[in-house]
Amino acid sequence: MFKSKEIRWFNSNEDLAISAWFEENGYLFENTEARIDYYLPLKEKEDIGIKLRENNIEIKQRVSRSEKEKLVSRVKGYFEEYVKWSFSSAEDDSLVHEITEGDNYDWIPVKKERIGFNLTEISNGEIKRIKIDEFPDFGCQVEYTRIKVKDDIYYTFALEWFGDKELNIDLTILIDIIGENRLKAINSMGYAEFLNKF
């Protein structure tokens, strides 16, 4: 079990400014390996998500949601705090195979192609950028993900803080990433709330 804090936006169109910033910094969708997560639909429940990912069941409960906040110019959204649990299933678990391969239940497959990095603090207090699959004791993940739900493509941009200590980052990085675009509060939500639309 661990805690996290995140702010996330979904959009039905690719944000070309965000994509360009990631590409200029060496992060390309073409260099990522897609994965499929399976979400259990919980209609009208926006504060809990249950997903099956690579033989792990993950439960993510939202424990708080901020009021609408302005992070920097042209960026508004909601900070959400979560508690997460993860349980492993057996490699040959028949129910897992029925969900992921048999299409026997109503779980929603979500294909994800994720690019990004983690920010962490090194010994002299400097903030350092590291690979997204490296997890220090605490930090902040900055990600841009292309997702496919049913036959539709969406994009989600997020900042997610993890670990026992909250990393204090300069949020003006968002101005560099989004360029002249906006991140609107109406598009700010977690996966559980977003998937309730399907």
N, C-alpha and C. Protein backbone atom coordinates (compact mmCIF):
# COMPACT_ATOMS: atom_id res chain seq x y z
N MET A 1 0.85 -1.18 0.00
CA MET A 1 0.00 0.00 0.00
C MET A 1 0.89 1.24 0.00
N PHE A 2 0.57 2.19 -0.83
CA PHE A 2 1.31 3.45 -0.79
C PHE A 2 0.40 4.60 -1.21
N LYS A 3 0.86 5.80 -0.91
CA LYS A 3 0.07 7.00 -1.17
C LYS A 3 0.65 7.78 -2.33
N SER A 4 -0.21 8.52 -3.01
CA SER A 4 0.25 9.38 -4.10
C SER A 4 -0.67 10.59 -4.19
N LYS A 5 -0.17 11.59 -4.89
CA LYS A 5 -0.95 12.79 -5.17
C LYS A 5 -0.76 13.09 -6.65
N GLU A 6 -1.85 13.39 -7.33
CA GLU A 6 -1.70 13.65 -8.76
C GLU A 6 -2.66 14.72 -9.24
N ILE A 7 -2.32 15.26 -10.38
CA ILE A 7 -3.22 16.13 -11.12
C ILE A 7 -3.13 15.68 -12.57
N ARG A 8 -4.29 15.46 -13.20
CA ARG A 8 -4.33 14.82 -14.51
C ARG A 8 -5.40 15.47 -15.37
N TRP A 9 -5.13 15.53 -16.66
CA TRP A 9 -6.08 16.05 -17.64
C TRP A 9 -6.24 15.04 -18.77
N PHE A 10 -7.47 14.92 -19.29
CA PHE A 10 -7.76 14.08 -20.44
C PHE A 10 -8.24 14.95 -21.59
N ASN A 11 -7.93 14.52 -22.82
CA ASN A 11 -8.37 15.25 -23.99
C ASN A 11 -8.58 14.26 -25.13
N SER A 12 -9.56 14.53 -25.96
CA SER A 12 -9.81 13.64 -27.10
C SER A 12 -8.88 13.92 -28.26
N ASN A 13 -8.14 15.02 -28.21
CA ASN A 13 -7.19 15.37 -29.27
C ASN A 13 -5.78 15.43 -28.73
N GLU A 14 -4.83 15.12 -29.57
CA GLU A 14 -3.44 15.26 -29.19
C GLU A 14 -3.11 16.74 -29.02
N ASP A 15 -2.41 17.07 -27.94
CA ASP A 15 -1.95 18.43 -27.73
C ASP A 15 -0.58 18.54 -28.40
N LEU A 16 -0.53 19.20 -29.53
CA LEU A 16 0.70 19.23 -30.32
C LEU A 16 1.84 19.93 -29.60
N ALA A 17 1.53 20.92 -28.77
CA ALA A 17 2.58 21.59 -28.01
C ALA A 17 3.20 20.64 -26.99
N ILE A 18 2.37 19.88 -26.29
CA ILE A 18 2.89 18.92 -25.31
C ILE A 18 3.70 17.84 -26.02
N SER A 19 3.16 17.30 -27.12
CA SER A 19 3.89 16.28 -27.88
C SER A 19 5.23 16.80 -28.36
N ALA A 20 5.24 18.03 -28.86
CA ALA A 20 6.48 18.63 -29.37
C ALA A 20 7.51 18.78 -28.26
N TRP A 21 7.07 19.22 -27.08
CA TRP A 21 8.01 19.38 -25.96
C TRP A 21 8.63 18.04 -25.58
N PHE A 22 7.80 17.00 -25.48
CA PHE A 22 8.33 15.68 -25.13
C PHE A 22 9.28 15.17 -26.21
N GLU A 23 8.91 15.35 -27.47
CA GLU A 23 9.77 14.90 -28.56
C GLU A 23 11.11 15.64 -28.54
N GLU A 24 11.07 16.95 -28.33
CA GLU A 24 12.31 17.74 -28.28
C GLU A 24 13.21 17.29 -27.13
N ASN A 25 12.63 16.70 -26.11
CA ASN A 25 13.41 16.22 -24.98
C ASN A 25 13.69 14.71 -25.05
N GLY A 26 13.42 14.12 -26.22
CA GLY A 26 13.80 12.73 -26.46
C GLY A 26 12.78 11.69 -26.06
N TYR A 27 11.54 12.10 -25.81
CA TYR A 27 10.50 11.15 -25.41
C TYR A 27 9.50 11.00 -26.56
N LEU A 28 9.47 9.81 -27.17
CA LEU A 28 8.64 9.57 -28.36
C LEU A 28 7.71 8.39 -28.13
N PHE A 29 6.46 8.53 -28.56
CA PHE A 29 5.53 7.40 -28.46
C PHE A 29 6.06 6.19 -29.21
N GLU A 30 6.76 6.43 -30.32
CA GLU A 30 7.26 5.33 -31.15
C GLU A 30 8.30 4.48 -30.40
N ASN A 31 8.90 5.04 -29.36
CA ASN A 31 9.93 4.31 -28.60
C ASN A 31 9.37 3.63 -27.35
N THR A 32 8.05 3.65 -27.19
CA THR A 32 7.46 3.04 -26.01
C THR A 32 6.83 1.69 -26.36
N GLU A 33 6.70 0.87 -25.35
CA GLU A 33 6.03 -0.42 -25.53
C GLU A 33 4.62 -0.30 -24.95
N ALA A 34 3.63 -0.52 -25.78
CA ALA A 34 2.24 -0.40 -25.33
C ALA A 34 1.90 -1.51 -24.35
N ARG A 35 1.02 -1.19 -23.43
CA ARG A 35 0.49 -2.21 -22.51
C ARG A 35 -1.02 -2.02 -22.44
N ILE A 36 -1.70 -3.06 -21.99
CA ILE A 36 -3.16 -2.98 -21.83
C ILE A 36 -3.50 -3.22 -20.37
N ASP A 37 -4.18 -2.25 -19.77
CA ASP A 37 -4.72 -2.39 -18.43
C ASP A 37 -6.22 -2.64 -18.55
N TYR A 38 -6.77 -3.48 -17.68
CA TYR A 38 -8.19 -3.80 -17.70
C TYR A 38 -8.85 -3.20 -16.46
N TYR A 39 -9.85 -2.33 -16.67
CA TYR A 39 -10.51 -1.63 -15.57
C TYR A 39 -11.90 -2.21 -15.34
N LEU A 40 -12.22 -2.42 -14.08
CA LEU A 40 -13.57 -2.85 -13.71
C LEU A 40 -14.47 -1.62 -13.67
N PRO A 41 -15.51 -1.56 -14.50
CA PRO A 41 -16.38 -0.39 -14.48
C PRO A 41 -17.19 -0.33 -13.19
N LEU A 42 -17.14 0.81 -12.54
CA LEU A 42 -17.89 1.05 -11.31
C LEU A 42 -18.72 2.31 -11.54
N LYS A 43 -19.86 2.15 -12.14
CA LYS A 43 -20.69 3.28 -12.55
C LYS A 43 -20.99 4.20 -11.37
N GLU A 44 -20.83 5.49 -11.63
CA GLU A 44 -21.11 6.55 -10.68
C GLU A 44 -20.19 6.54 -9.47
N LYS A 45 -19.10 5.75 -9.51
CA LYS A 45 -18.09 5.78 -8.46
C LYS A 45 -16.86 6.42 -9.05
N GLU A 46 -16.57 7.65 -8.63
CA GLU A 46 -15.43 8.39 -9.17
C GLU A 46 -14.23 8.36 -8.25
N ASP A 47 -14.39 7.78 -7.04
CA ASP A 47 -13.32 7.85 -6.06
C ASP A 47 -12.58 6.53 -5.88
N ILE A 48 -12.88 5.54 -6.71
CA ILE A 48 -12.16 4.27 -6.60
C ILE A 48 -12.02 3.64 -7.98
N GLY A 49 -10.85 3.10 -8.23
CA GLY A 49 -10.58 2.41 -9.49
C GLY A 49 -9.99 1.04 -9.20
N ILE A 50 -10.41 0.05 -9.96
CA ILE A 50 -9.89 -1.31 -9.83
C ILE A 50 -9.42 -1.74 -11.20
N LYS A 51 -8.14 -2.13 -11.29
CA LYS A 51 -7.64 -2.54 -12.59
C LYS A 51 -6.78 -3.78 -12.48
N LEU A 52 -6.71 -4.49 -13.58
CA LEU A 52 -5.86 -5.67 -13.72
C LEU A 52 -4.72 -5.29 -14.65
N ARG A 53 -3.52 -5.39 -14.14
CA ARG A 53 -2.34 -5.01 -14.91
C ARG A 53 -1.26 -6.07 -14.73
N GLU A 54 -0.97 -6.78 -15.80
CA GLU A 54 0.12 -7.77 -15.80
C GLU A 54 0.05 -8.69 -14.58
N ASN A 55 -1.10 -9.35 -14.41
CA ASN A 55 -1.34 -10.30 -13.32
C ASN A 55 -1.36 -9.67 -11.93
N ASN A 56 -1.49 -8.38 -11.85
CA ASN A 56 -1.67 -7.70 -10.57
C ASN A 56 -3.03 -7.01 -10.54
N ILE A 57 -3.72 -7.16 -9.43
CA ILE A 57 -4.94 -6.39 -9.21
C ILE A 57 -4.53 -5.15 -8.42
N GLU A 58 -4.86 -3.97 -8.94
CA GLU A 58 -4.53 -2.72 -8.27
C GLU A 58 -5.81 -1.98 -7.92
N ILE A 59 -5.89 -1.57 -6.68
CA ILE A 59 -7.04 -0.81 -6.19
C ILE A 59 -6.54 0.58 -5.82
N LYS A 60 -7.18 1.59 -6.36
CA LYS A 60 -6.75 2.97 -6.15
C LYS A 60 -7.93 3.77 -5.63
N GLN A 61 -7.84 4.20 -4.39
CA GLN A 61 -8.94 4.93 -3.75
C GLN A 61 -8.57 6.40 -3.59
N ARG A 62 -9.43 7.28 -4.11
CA ARG A 62 -9.21 8.71 -3.91
C ARG A 62 -9.68 9.09 -2.52
N VAL A 63 -8.77 9.68 -1.74
CA VAL A 63 -9.10 10.05 -0.37
C VAL A 63 -9.36 11.54 -0.22
N SER A 64 -8.93 12.34 -1.20
CA SER A 64 -9.24 13.76 -1.16
C SER A 64 -9.12 14.36 -2.55
N ARG A 65 -9.84 15.46 -2.75
CA ARG A 65 -9.79 16.20 -4.01
C ARG A 65 -9.84 17.68 -3.66
N SER A 66 -8.93 18.43 -4.22
CA SER A 66 -8.84 19.86 -3.91
C SER A 66 -9.98 20.63 -4.58
N GLU A 67 -10.13 21.87 -4.19
CA GLU A 67 -10.94 22.80 -4.96
C GLU A 67 -10.20 23.08 -6.26
N LYS A 68 -10.86 23.70 -7.20
CA LYS A 68 -10.19 24.05 -8.46
C LYS A 68 -9.01 24.96 -8.15
N GLU A 69 -7.85 24.60 -8.70
CA GLU A 69 -6.64 25.37 -8.42
C GLU A 69 -6.00 25.86 -9.71
N LYS A 70 -5.40 27.03 -9.61
CA LYS A 70 -4.61 27.58 -10.71
C LYS A 70 -3.15 27.31 -10.39
N LEU A 71 -2.51 26.45 -11.20
CA LEU A 71 -1.12 26.09 -10.93
C LEU A 71 -0.18 27.18 -11.43
N VAL A 72 -0.36 27.55 -12.69
CA VAL A 72 0.38 28.63 -13.32
C VAL A 72 -0.57 29.26 -14.34
N SER A 73 -0.10 30.24 -15.06
CA SER A 73 -0.93 30.86 -16.08
C SER A 73 -1.44 29.83 -17.07
N ARG A 74 -2.73 29.82 -17.33
CA ARG A 74 -3.39 28.95 -18.31
C ARG A 74 -3.46 27.49 -17.89
N VAL A 75 -3.21 27.18 -16.61
CA VAL A 75 -3.28 25.79 -16.13
C VAL A 75 -4.14 25.74 -14.87
N LYS A 76 -5.31 25.08 -14.99
CA LYS A 76 -6.20 24.89 -13.84
C LYS A 76 -6.59 23.42 -13.75
N GLY A 77 -6.80 22.97 -12.53
CA GLY A 77 -7.19 21.58 -12.35
C GLY A 77 -7.41 21.24 -10.90
N TYR A 78 -7.54 19.94 -10.62
CA TYR A 78 -7.84 19.43 -9.29
C TYR A 78 -6.74 18.47 -8.85
N PHE A 79 -6.15 18.73 -7.69
CA PHE A 79 -5.22 17.79 -7.10
C PHE A 79 -6.02 16.70 -6.40
N GLU A 80 -5.61 15.46 -6.62
CA GLU A 80 -6.28 14.33 -5.99
C GLU A 80 -5.24 13.49 -5.25
N GLU A 81 -5.60 13.08 -4.04
CA GLU A 81 -4.73 12.22 -3.24
C GLU A 81 -5.32 10.82 -3.21
N TYR A 82 -4.44 9.83 -3.34
CA TYR A 82 -4.86 8.43 -3.45
C TYR A 82 -4.11 7.54 -2.47
N VAL A 83 -4.78 6.44 -2.12
CA VAL A 83 -4.13 5.30 -1.49
C VAL A 83 -4.25 4.15 -2.47
N LYS A 84 -3.14 3.44 -2.69
CA LYS A 84 -3.13 2.34 -3.66
C LYS A 84 -2.74 1.03 -2.98
N TRP A 85 -3.40 -0.04 -3.40
CA TRP A 85 -3.04 -1.38 -3.00
C TRP A 85 -2.77 -2.21 -4.25
N SER A 86 -1.87 -3.18 -4.12
CA SER A 86 -1.58 -4.07 -5.25
C SER A 86 -1.48 -5.50 -4.75
N PHE A 87 -2.18 -6.41 -5.45
CA PHE A 87 -2.20 -7.82 -5.08
C PHE A 87 -1.81 -8.64 -6.31
N SER A 88 -0.93 -9.60 -6.12
CA SER A 88 -0.50 -10.45 -7.24
C SER A 88 -1.43 -11.64 -7.39
N SER A 89 -1.66 -12.03 -8.63
CA SER A 89 -2.40 -13.26 -8.90
C SER A 89 -1.43 -14.29 -9.47
N ALA A 90 -1.83 -15.53 -9.47
CA ALA A 90 -0.99 -16.59 -10.01
C ALA A 90 -0.86 -16.44 -11.52
N GLU A 91 0.28 -16.85 -12.06
CA GLU A 91 0.52 -16.74 -13.50
C GLU A 91 -0.58 -17.43 -14.31
N ASP A 92 -1.08 -18.55 -13.80
CA ASP A 92 -2.06 -19.34 -14.55
C ASP A 92 -3.48 -19.17 -14.01
N ASP A 93 -3.74 -18.04 -13.35
CA ASP A 93 -5.07 -17.82 -12.79
C ASP A 93 -6.11 -17.80 -13.90
N SER A 94 -7.09 -18.69 -13.81
CA SER A 94 -8.06 -18.85 -14.89
C SER A 94 -8.97 -17.63 -15.03
N LEU A 95 -9.32 -16.99 -13.92
CA LEU A 95 -10.20 -15.82 -13.99
C LEU A 95 -9.49 -14.66 -14.68
N VAL A 96 -8.21 -14.47 -14.38
CA VAL A 96 -7.43 -13.43 -15.06
C VAL A 96 -7.44 -13.66 -16.57
N HIS A 97 -7.24 -14.89 -16.98
CA HIS A 97 -7.24 -15.21 -18.41
C HIS A 97 -8.61 -14.99 -19.04
N GLU A 98 -9.67 -15.27 -18.30
CA GLU A 98 -11.02 -15.02 -18.83
C GLU A 98 -11.26 -13.53 -19.03
N ILE A 99 -10.72 -12.70 -18.14
CA ILE A 99 -10.89 -11.25 -18.27
C ILE A 99 -10.06 -10.71 -19.42
N THR A 100 -8.79 -11.12 -19.50
CA THR A 100 -7.87 -10.53 -20.47
C THR A 100 -7.95 -11.16 -21.86
N GLU A 101 -8.36 -12.41 -21.93
CA GLU A 101 -8.36 -13.09 -23.23
C GLU A 101 -9.73 -13.59 -23.65
N GLY A 102 -10.56 -13.93 -22.68
CA GLY A 102 -11.85 -14.52 -23.02
C GLY A 102 -12.95 -13.52 -23.27
N ASP A 103 -12.76 -12.26 -22.84
CA ASP A 103 -13.77 -11.23 -23.02
C ASP A 103 -15.12 -11.67 -22.44
N ASN A 104 -15.04 -12.38 -21.29
CA ASN A 104 -16.25 -12.93 -20.69
C ASN A 104 -16.93 -11.98 -19.71
N TYR A 105 -16.24 -10.91 -19.34
CA TYR A 105 -16.79 -9.99 -18.35
C TYR A 105 -16.74 -8.57 -18.89
N ASP A 106 -17.19 -7.63 -18.09
CA ASP A 106 -17.36 -6.25 -18.56
C ASP A 106 -16.15 -5.36 -18.30
N TRP A 107 -15.00 -5.92 -17.98
CA TRP A 107 -13.82 -5.10 -17.73
C TRP A 107 -13.46 -4.34 -19.02
N ILE A 108 -13.00 -3.10 -18.85
CA ILE A 108 -12.70 -2.25 -20.01
C ILE A 108 -11.21 -2.29 -20.31
N PRO A 109 -10.81 -2.80 -21.48
CA PRO A 109 -9.39 -2.77 -21.83
C PRO A 109 -8.98 -1.36 -22.26
N VAL A 110 -7.88 -0.89 -21.70
CA VAL A 110 -7.35 0.43 -22.02
C VAL A 110 -5.89 0.25 -22.46
N LYS A 111 -5.67 0.48 -23.75
CA LYS A 111 -4.30 0.39 -24.28
C LYS A 111 -3.58 1.70 -23.97
N LYS A 112 -2.35 1.60 -23.44
CA LYS A 112 -1.61 2.78 -23.03
C LYS A 112 -0.22 2.80 -23.66
N GLU A 113 0.13 3.97 -24.20
CA GLU A 113 1.49 4.23 -24.66
C GLU A 113 1.95 5.47 -23.91
N ARG A 114 2.90 5.29 -23.00
CA ARG A 114 3.26 6.36 -22.07
C ARG A 114 4.68 6.84 -22.31
N ILE A 115 4.84 8.17 -22.32
CA ILE A 115 6.16 8.77 -22.37
C ILE A 115 6.29 9.70 -21.17
N GLY A 116 7.51 9.91 -20.73
CA GLY A 116 7.70 10.82 -19.61
C GLY A 116 8.96 10.52 -18.83
N PHE A 117 9.00 11.03 -17.61
CA PHE A 117 10.19 10.92 -16.77
C PHE A 117 9.79 11.14 -15.32
N ASN A 118 10.71 10.83 -14.43
CA ASN A 118 10.53 11.12 -13.01
C ASN A 118 11.47 12.24 -12.62
N LEU A 119 11.01 13.09 -11.73
CA LEU A 119 11.85 14.11 -11.12
C LEU A 119 12.15 13.67 -9.69
N THR A 120 13.38 13.85 -9.24
CA THR A 120 13.75 13.52 -7.87
C THR A 120 14.78 14.52 -7.37
N GLU A 121 15.01 14.48 -6.09
CA GLU A 121 15.95 15.40 -5.46
C GLU A 121 17.25 14.66 -5.17
N ILE A 122 18.37 15.22 -5.58
CA ILE A 122 19.66 14.61 -5.28
C ILE A 122 20.27 15.28 -4.05
N SER A 123 21.42 14.81 -3.63
CA SER A 123 21.98 15.14 -2.31
C SER A 123 22.10 16.64 -2.02
N ASN A 124 22.40 17.45 -3.01
CA ASN A 124 22.57 18.88 -2.75
C ASN A 124 21.27 19.67 -2.88
N GLY A 125 20.14 18.97 -2.97
CA GLY A 125 18.84 19.62 -3.08
C GLY A 125 18.43 19.93 -4.50
N GLU A 126 19.29 19.63 -5.45
CA GLU A 126 18.99 19.88 -6.86
C GLU A 126 17.96 18.87 -7.37
N ILE A 127 17.05 19.33 -8.23
CA ILE A 127 16.06 18.45 -8.85
C ILE A 127 16.66 17.85 -10.11
N LYS A 128 16.57 16.54 -10.21
CA LYS A 128 17.17 15.82 -11.34
C LYS A 128 16.09 15.04 -12.08
N ARG A 129 16.20 14.98 -13.41
CA ARG A 129 15.29 14.21 -14.24
C ARG A 129 15.88 12.81 -14.46
N ILE A 130 15.09 11.75 -14.20
CA ILE A 130 15.54 10.39 -14.40
C ILE A 130 14.50 9.63 -15.23
N LYS A 131 14.84 8.40 -15.62
CA LYS A 131 13.94 7.61 -16.46
C LYS A 131 12.63 7.30 -15.73
N ILE A 132 11.59 7.14 -16.51
CA ILE A 132 10.26 6.91 -15.94
C ILE A 132 10.16 5.57 -15.23
N ASP A 133 11.01 4.61 -15.58
CA ASP A 133 10.97 3.31 -14.93
C ASP A 133 11.96 3.20 -13.77
N GLU A 134 12.56 4.32 -13.36
CA GLU A 134 13.40 4.38 -12.17
C GLU A 134 12.58 5.03 -11.06
N PHE A 135 12.52 4.37 -9.89
CA PHE A 135 11.70 4.89 -8.81
C PHE A 135 12.54 5.15 -7.57
N PRO A 136 12.88 6.41 -7.35
CA PRO A 136 13.57 6.77 -6.12
C PRO A 136 12.60 6.72 -4.93
N ASP A 137 13.10 7.07 -3.73
CA ASP A 137 12.25 7.03 -2.54
C ASP A 137 11.07 7.99 -2.63
N PHE A 138 11.27 9.11 -3.30
CA PHE A 138 10.18 10.06 -3.50
C PHE A 138 10.48 10.87 -4.75
N GLY A 139 9.43 11.43 -5.32
CA GLY A 139 9.62 12.21 -6.54
C GLY A 139 8.31 12.59 -7.17
N CYS A 140 8.38 13.01 -8.42
CA CYS A 140 7.19 13.39 -9.19
C CYS A 140 7.34 12.86 -10.60
N GLN A 141 6.35 12.11 -11.04
CA GLN A 141 6.33 11.58 -12.41
C GLN A 141 5.59 12.56 -13.31
N VAL A 142 6.21 12.87 -14.44
CA VAL A 142 5.60 13.73 -15.45
C VAL A 142 5.36 12.86 -16.67
N GLU A 143 4.11 12.69 -17.06
CA GLU A 143 3.82 11.73 -18.13
C GLU A 143 2.82 12.29 -19.13
N TYR A 144 2.94 11.84 -20.36
CA TYR A 144 1.97 12.10 -21.41
C TYR A 144 1.66 10.74 -22.02
N THR A 145 0.39 10.36 -22.03
CA THR A 145 0.01 9.00 -22.42
C THR A 145 -1.07 9.04 -23.49
N ARG A 146 -0.85 8.23 -24.52
CA ARG A 146 -1.87 8.03 -25.56
C ARG A 146 -2.62 6.77 -25.18
N ILE A 147 -3.94 6.87 -25.06
CA ILE A 147 -4.72 5.71 -24.65
C ILE A 147 -5.80 5.41 -25.69
N LYS A 148 -6.13 4.14 -25.76
CA LYS A 148 -7.21 3.70 -26.65
C LYS A 148 -8.26 3.00 -25.80
N VAL A 149 -9.48 3.54 -25.84
CA VAL A 149 -10.61 2.95 -25.12
C VAL A 149 -11.65 2.60 -26.16
N LYS A 150 -11.95 1.31 -26.25
CA LYS A 150 -12.82 0.82 -27.33
C LYS A 150 -12.15 1.20 -28.65
N ASP A 151 -12.78 2.00 -29.49
CA ASP A 151 -12.15 2.35 -30.77
C ASP A 151 -11.67 3.80 -30.81
N ASP A 152 -11.67 4.46 -29.67
CA ASP A 152 -11.34 5.88 -29.64
C ASP A 152 -9.99 6.14 -28.98
N ILE A 153 -9.28 7.14 -29.49
CA ILE A 153 -7.98 7.54 -28.96
C ILE A 153 -8.15 8.79 -28.11
N TYR A 154 -7.48 8.81 -26.96
CA TYR A 154 -7.46 9.96 -26.06
C TYR A 154 -6.03 10.18 -25.60
N TYR A 155 -5.82 11.33 -24.99
CA TYR A 155 -4.51 11.67 -24.45
C TYR A 155 -4.68 12.16 -23.02
N THR A 156 -3.73 11.79 -22.16
CA THR A 156 -3.77 12.27 -20.80
C THR A 156 -2.38 12.75 -20.39
N PHE A 157 -2.37 13.92 -19.76
CA PHE A 157 -1.14 14.52 -19.25
C PHE A 157 -1.27 14.60 -17.74
N ALA A 158 -0.20 14.23 -17.01
CA ALA A 158 -0.32 14.18 -15.56
C ALA A 158 0.99 14.45 -14.86
N LEU A 159 0.85 14.95 -13.64
CA LEU A 159 1.93 15.02 -12.67
C LEU A 159 1.50 14.15 -11.50
N GLU A 160 2.37 13.23 -11.08
CA GLU A 160 2.03 12.35 -9.95
C GLU A 160 3.19 12.32 -8.96
N TRP A 161 2.91 12.78 -7.75
CA TRP A 161 3.91 12.76 -6.69
C TRP A 161 3.81 11.43 -5.95
N PHE A 162 4.95 10.84 -5.61
CA PHE A 162 4.97 9.55 -4.93
C PHE A 162 6.04 9.57 -3.84
N GLY A 163 5.92 8.64 -2.90
CA GLY A 163 6.90 8.52 -1.82
C GLY A 163 6.43 9.18 -0.54
N ASP A 164 7.25 9.01 0.51
CA ASP A 164 6.88 9.52 1.83
C ASP A 164 7.02 11.02 1.95
N LYS A 165 7.81 11.62 1.07
CA LYS A 165 8.04 13.06 1.12
C LYS A 165 7.55 13.65 -0.19
N GLU A 166 6.90 14.82 -0.13
CA GLU A 166 6.43 15.45 -1.37
C GLU A 166 7.53 16.32 -1.96
N LEU A 167 7.91 16.00 -3.18
CA LEU A 167 8.95 16.76 -3.87
C LEU A 167 8.40 18.12 -4.26
N ASN A 168 9.13 19.15 -3.91
CA ASN A 168 8.73 20.51 -4.25
C ASN A 168 9.35 20.88 -5.59
N ILE A 169 8.52 20.95 -6.62
CA ILE A 169 9.04 21.25 -7.95
C ILE A 169 8.55 22.62 -8.41
N ASP A 170 9.28 23.19 -9.33
CA ASP A 170 8.92 24.48 -9.91
C ASP A 170 7.87 24.23 -10.99
N LEU A 171 6.64 24.61 -10.71
CA LEU A 171 5.54 24.32 -11.63
C LEU A 171 5.58 25.15 -12.90
N THR A 172 6.50 26.09 -13.00
CA THR A 172 6.62 26.84 -14.25
C THR A 172 7.09 25.95 -15.39
N ILE A 173 7.53 24.73 -15.07
CA ILE A 173 7.84 23.77 -16.14
C ILE A 173 6.60 23.54 -17.01
N LEU A 174 5.41 23.70 -16.42
CA LEU A 174 4.18 23.50 -17.18
C LEU A 174 4.06 24.52 -18.31
N ILE A 175 4.53 25.73 -18.08
CA ILE A 175 4.48 26.76 -19.13
C ILE A 175 5.34 26.34 -20.31
N ASP A 176 6.52 25.78 -20.03
CA ASP A 176 7.39 25.29 -21.10
C ASP A 176 6.71 24.16 -21.87
N ILE A 177 6.06 23.26 -21.14
CA ILE A 177 5.47 22.06 -21.77
C ILE A 177 4.26 22.40 -22.62
N ILE A 178 3.36 23.25 -22.13
CA ILE A 178 2.10 23.48 -22.86
C ILE A 178 2.18 24.62 -23.86
N GLY A 179 3.26 25.40 -23.83
CA GLY A 179 3.36 26.51 -24.77
C GLY A 179 2.25 27.51 -24.57
N GLU A 180 1.56 27.86 -25.65
CA GLU A 180 0.48 28.85 -25.58
C GLU A 180 -0.87 28.20 -25.30
N ASN A 181 -0.91 26.90 -25.13
CA ASN A 181 -2.17 26.19 -24.90
C ASN A 181 -2.64 26.33 -23.46
N ARG A 182 -3.77 25.70 -23.17
CA ARG A 182 -4.35 25.72 -21.83
C ARG A 182 -4.61 24.31 -21.35
N LEU A 183 -4.54 24.12 -20.04
CA LEU A 183 -5.04 22.90 -19.40
C LEU A 183 -6.21 23.34 -18.54
N LYS A 184 -7.40 22.86 -18.89
CA LYS A 184 -8.63 23.36 -18.27
C LYS A 184 -9.12 22.43 -17.15
N ALA A 185 -9.70 23.03 -16.14
CA ALA A 185 -10.21 22.27 -15.00
C ALA A 185 -11.29 21.28 -15.41
N ILE A 186 -12.07 21.61 -16.43
CA ILE A 186 -13.15 20.71 -16.86
C ILE A 186 -12.61 19.37 -17.35
N ASN A 187 -11.33 19.34 -17.78
CA ASN A 187 -10.71 18.11 -18.27
C ASN A 187 -9.84 17.44 -17.22
N SER A 188 -9.84 17.97 -15.99
CA SER A 188 -8.98 17.47 -14.93
C SER A 188 -9.74 16.45 -14.09
N MET A 189 -9.25 15.20 -14.09
CA MET A 189 -9.92 14.11 -13.36
C MET A 189 -9.01 12.89 -13.36
N GLY A 190 -9.35 11.91 -12.52
CA GLY A 190 -8.64 10.65 -12.49
C GLY A 190 -9.22 9.65 -13.48
N TYR A 191 -8.54 8.51 -13.63
CA TYR A 191 -9.00 7.49 -14.57
C TYR A 191 -10.40 6.99 -14.24
N ALA A 192 -10.71 6.79 -12.96
CA ALA A 192 -12.03 6.25 -12.60
C ALA A 192 -13.14 7.16 -13.10
N GLU A 193 -12.98 8.44 -12.89
CA GLU A 193 -14.00 9.40 -13.34
C GLU A 193 -14.07 9.44 -14.86
N PHE A 194 -12.92 9.43 -15.51
CA PHE A 194 -12.88 9.47 -16.96
C PHE A 194 -13.56 8.24 -17.57
N LEU A 195 -13.27 7.06 -17.04
CA LEU A 195 -13.82 5.82 -17.62
C LEU A 195 -15.30 5.64 -17.34
N ASN A 196 -15.86 6.41 -16.41
CA ASN A 196 -17.30 6.36 -16.18
C ASN A 196 -18.09 6.87 -17.38
N LYS A 197 -17.41 7.53 -18.31
CA LYS A 197 -18.08 8.05 -19.49
C LYS A 197 -18.37 6.94 -20.52
N PHE A 198 -17.81 5.76 -20.30
CA PHE A 198 -17.96 4.68 -21.30
C PHE A 198 -18.96 3.63 -20.84
